[in-house]
Protein backbone atom coordinates (compact mmCIF):
# COMPACT_ATOMS: atom_id res chain seq x y z
CA MET A 1 10.57 1.18 15.64
CA SER A 2 9.49 4.64 16.82
CA LYS A 3 10.76 6.05 13.52
CA PHE A 4 7.96 4.22 11.69
CA ALA A 5 5.38 5.19 14.33
CA ASP A 6 6.40 8.83 13.78
CA ILE A 7 6.14 8.44 9.99
CA ARG A 8 2.69 6.88 10.45
CA LYS A 9 1.58 9.96 12.41
CA GLU A 10 2.97 12.28 9.71
CA LEU A 11 1.07 10.31 7.06
CA HIS A 12 -2.09 10.32 9.18
CA ARG A 13 -2.05 14.13 9.12
CA ILE A 14 -2.10 14.36 5.31
CA PRO A 15 -4.81 12.06 3.90
CA GLU A 16 -5.56 12.88 0.28
CA PRO A 17 -8.13 11.71 -2.27
CA GLY A 18 -7.20 9.17 -4.93
CA PHE A 19 -4.72 10.37 -7.57
CA GLN A 20 -4.23 13.56 -5.54
CA GLU A 21 -1.80 12.05 -3.00
CA PHE A 22 0.91 14.63 -3.81
CA LYS A 23 2.05 15.35 -0.23
CA THR A 24 1.91 11.64 0.57
CA GLN A 25 4.02 10.73 -2.45
CA ALA A 26 6.55 13.46 -1.61
CA LEU A 27 6.89 12.24 1.99
CA LEU A 28 7.32 8.63 0.85
CA LEU A 29 9.87 9.54 -1.84
CA ASP A 30 11.79 11.70 0.63
CA TYR A 31 12.11 8.75 3.01
CA LEU A 32 13.00 6.28 0.23
CA SER A 33 15.73 8.62 -1.04
CA SER A 34 17.36 8.55 2.42
CA LEU A 35 18.05 4.81 2.09
CA PRO A 36 21.14 3.29 0.44
CA GLN A 37 20.39 3.22 -3.29
CA GLU A 38 22.68 0.39 -4.50
CA ARG A 39 19.89 -2.23 -4.53
CA LEU A 40 16.90 0.13 -4.62
CA GLU A 41 15.11 1.05 -7.83
CA ILE A 42 12.26 3.59 -7.57
CA ARG A 43 9.68 4.25 -10.28
CA THR A 44 6.64 6.48 -10.10
CA TRP A 45 3.37 6.66 -12.01
CA ARG A 46 0.91 9.43 -11.30
CA THR A 47 1.00 9.55 -7.48
CA GLY A 48 1.99 5.89 -7.08
CA ILE A 49 5.43 4.48 -6.35
CA LEU A 50 7.02 1.15 -7.22
CA ALA A 51 10.07 0.26 -5.11
CA ARG A 52 12.14 -2.73 -6.23
CA ILE A 53 14.84 -4.06 -3.93
CA LYS A 54 17.17 -6.21 -5.99
CA GLY A 55 17.88 -9.57 -4.42
CA THR A 56 21.25 -11.30 -4.43
CA ALA A 57 20.04 -13.73 -7.12
CA GLY A 58 16.81 -12.11 -8.32
CA LYS A 59 15.21 -15.31 -9.60
CA ARG A 60 11.83 -14.74 -7.96
CA ARG A 61 9.81 -11.69 -6.89
CA ILE A 62 7.96 -11.13 -3.63
CA ALA A 63 5.44 -8.27 -3.61
CA TYR A 64 3.71 -6.19 -0.96
CA ARG A 65 1.06 -3.65 -1.89
CA THR A 66 -0.03 -0.73 0.22
CA ASP A 67 -2.72 1.83 -0.43
CA ILE A 68 -1.89 5.52 -0.03
CA ASP A 69 -5.18 7.41 -0.37
CA GLY A 70 -7.45 8.72 2.37
CA LEU A 71 -11.20 8.38 2.79
CA PRO A 72 -13.70 11.25 2.46
CA ILE A 73 -14.52 11.21 6.17
CA GLU A 74 -14.21 14.08 8.66
CA GLU A 75 -11.86 13.06 11.46
CA GLU A 76 -13.53 13.49 14.82
CA THR A 77 -10.63 12.79 17.17
CA SER A 78 -8.57 14.94 19.46
CA TYR A 79 -5.24 13.33 18.57
CA GLU A 80 -2.37 15.76 18.13
CA PHE A 81 -1.68 14.09 14.77
CA ARG A 82 -5.26 14.36 13.48
CA SER A 83 -5.89 15.10 9.81
CA LEU A 84 -4.93 18.54 8.57
CA HIS A 85 -7.17 18.10 5.52
CA PRO A 86 -10.82 18.86 6.32
CA GLY A 87 -13.17 16.14 5.12
CA TYR A 88 -10.47 13.47 4.75
CA MET A 89 -8.82 11.00 7.07
CA HIS A 90 -6.96 7.71 7.08
CA ALA A 91 -9.90 5.83 8.58
CA CYS A 92 -8.98 2.28 7.55
CA GLY A 93 -5.25 2.08 8.19
CA HIS A 94 -3.60 3.23 4.97
CA ASP A 95 -1.21 5.36 7.06
CA MET A 96 -0.18 2.25 8.97
CA HIS A 97 0.06 0.15 5.78
CA MET A 98 2.44 2.73 4.28
CA SER A 99 4.60 2.74 7.43
CA ILE A 100 4.78 -1.05 7.32
CA ALA A 101 5.76 -0.87 3.64
CA LEU A 102 8.56 1.61 4.43
CA GLY A 103 9.76 -0.78 7.15
CA ILE A 104 9.78 -3.64 4.65
CA VAL A 105 11.77 -1.60 2.12
CA THR A 106 14.23 -0.49 4.82
CA HIS A 107 14.76 -4.02 6.11
CA PHE A 108 15.40 -5.60 2.72
CA VAL A 109 17.60 -2.76 1.48
CA LEU A 110 19.79 -3.25 4.57
CA HIS A 111 19.45 -7.07 4.68
CA PRO A 112 18.98 -8.32 1.10
CA ILE A 113 17.63 -11.77 0.42
CA GLU A 114 18.04 -13.91 -2.68
CA ASP A 115 14.71 -12.82 -4.22
CA ASP A 116 13.69 -9.38 -5.45
CA VAL A 117 11.22 -7.59 -3.18
CA ILE A 118 8.73 -5.26 -4.83
CA VAL A 119 6.72 -2.79 -2.78
CA ILE A 120 3.82 -1.04 -4.51
CA PHE A 121 2.49 2.22 -3.07
CA GLN A 122 -0.89 2.27 -4.83
CA PRO A 123 -2.89 5.47 -5.30
CA ALA A 124 -6.69 5.64 -5.41
CA GLU A 125 -7.39 2.26 -3.84
CA GLU A 126 -10.70 3.52 -2.46
CA GLY A 127 -12.95 3.79 -5.47
CA ARG A 128 -13.79 2.77 -8.99
CA ARG A 129 -11.32 5.15 -10.69
CA ARG A 130 -8.40 2.98 -9.54
CA ARG A 131 -9.68 -0.12 -11.32
CA ALA A 132 -10.13 1.78 -14.59
CA ASP A 133 -6.64 3.28 -14.26
CA ASP A 134 -5.09 -0.12 -13.40
CA ALA A 135 -6.82 -1.76 -16.36
CA LYS A 136 -5.27 0.81 -18.72
CA ARG A 137 -1.84 -0.06 -17.36
CA GLY A 138 -2.32 -3.84 -17.50
CA ILE A 139 -2.12 -4.45 -13.75
CA SER A 140 -5.72 -5.33 -12.95
CA GLY A 141 -4.68 -8.81 -11.75
CA LEU A 142 -2.40 -7.46 -9.03
CA GLU A 143 -3.75 -7.83 -5.50
CA ALA A 144 -1.26 -8.32 -2.68
CA GLY A 145 -1.01 -6.75 0.71
CA PRO A 146 -3.52 -5.56 3.29
CA HIS A 147 -6.67 -5.54 1.11
CA PRO A 148 -7.05 -8.89 -0.67
CA GLY A 149 -10.23 -9.96 -2.41
CA ALA A 150 -13.11 -11.30 -0.33
CA ALA A 151 -13.10 -14.58 -2.27
CA HIS A 152 -9.89 -15.69 -0.51
CA ARG A 153 -10.37 -18.02 2.44
CA ALA A 154 -9.38 -16.69 5.85
CA GLY A 155 -6.19 -18.08 7.35
CA ILE A 156 -5.19 -19.88 4.15
CA GLN A 157 -2.32 -19.09 1.85
CA GLY A 158 -4.02 -17.78 -1.29
CA ARG A 159 -2.86 -17.20 -4.82
CA THR A 160 -3.95 -14.30 -6.95
CA ALA A 161 -3.79 -13.93 -10.70
CA GLY A 162 -0.35 -12.34 -10.52
CA ASP A 163 1.27 -9.22 -11.91
CA GLU A 164 1.18 -7.99 -15.47
CA ALA A 165 4.03 -10.32 -16.42
CA GLY A 166 2.14 -13.35 -15.12
CA HIS A 167 4.23 -13.92 -11.98
CA PRO A 168 1.93 -15.50 -9.36
CA LEU A 169 1.54 -13.70 -6.05
CA ARG A 170 0.69 -15.38 -2.76
CA GLN A 171 -1.06 -13.80 0.20
CA HIS A 172 -2.25 -14.79 3.66
CA VAL A 173 -5.78 -13.53 4.28
CA ARG A 174 -7.51 -12.81 7.59
CA ALA A 175 -10.18 -10.24 6.65
CA VAL A 176 -10.94 -7.62 4.05
CA HIS A 177 -12.82 -4.34 3.88
CA ARG A 178 -14.94 -2.74 1.24
CA SER A 179 -15.28 0.95 0.58
CA GLU A 180 -18.91 1.78 -0.03
CA GLY A 181 -18.45 5.37 -1.24
CA GLU A 182 -19.66 8.53 0.46
CA GLY A 183 -17.12 7.97 3.24
CA ARG A 184 -18.46 4.56 4.28
CA ALA A 185 -16.34 1.45 4.67
CA ARG A 186 -16.95 -1.81 6.48
CA ARG A 187 -14.94 -4.84 7.52
CA LEU A 188 -15.88 -8.08 5.79
CA PRO A 189 -14.77 -11.55 6.81
CA ALA A 190 -12.78 -13.35 4.18
CA SER A 191 -14.69 -16.35 2.82
CA GLY A 192 -14.52 -19.41 5.02
CA GLU A 193 -13.99 -17.37 8.21
């Protein structure tokens, strides 16, 4: 467990703006390359990463999405692992989301299940540029992981539109946040909370 806490601290030190997550992508790819590769398929696009862990039967797909960008906020903490990039920090947990995602990949590579597991490391989640980029790639319906849409009811298993191939995705929603630009973000209750 401390391995992922240490990775989280490393990631916390290197927050980067959307589509400029070069150090973040390198750190993530370095870790992923240390895992057994027999069931693991890695693809990249820009600074994003798609990790597919092949299941024993591969009939269905389960997805987890994590964001990898930082927010344009000056970190005002005295932590030894504080941001090394002036004017940027992981202020809403993307460093933790990435560490969780690496734990998920590690677990299912070592303990495969019947279904394929897909983990998406998404760049530029904080901002409008991501939606335009996603739309060009045909993945605008994909929402799974720590930042679901506010229209989902809290505490209820929700269904999103699905991935570009039309496979439905399910998510359990407790709360969401919205980036408001200029380094501002706020927590929003999911509908029905």
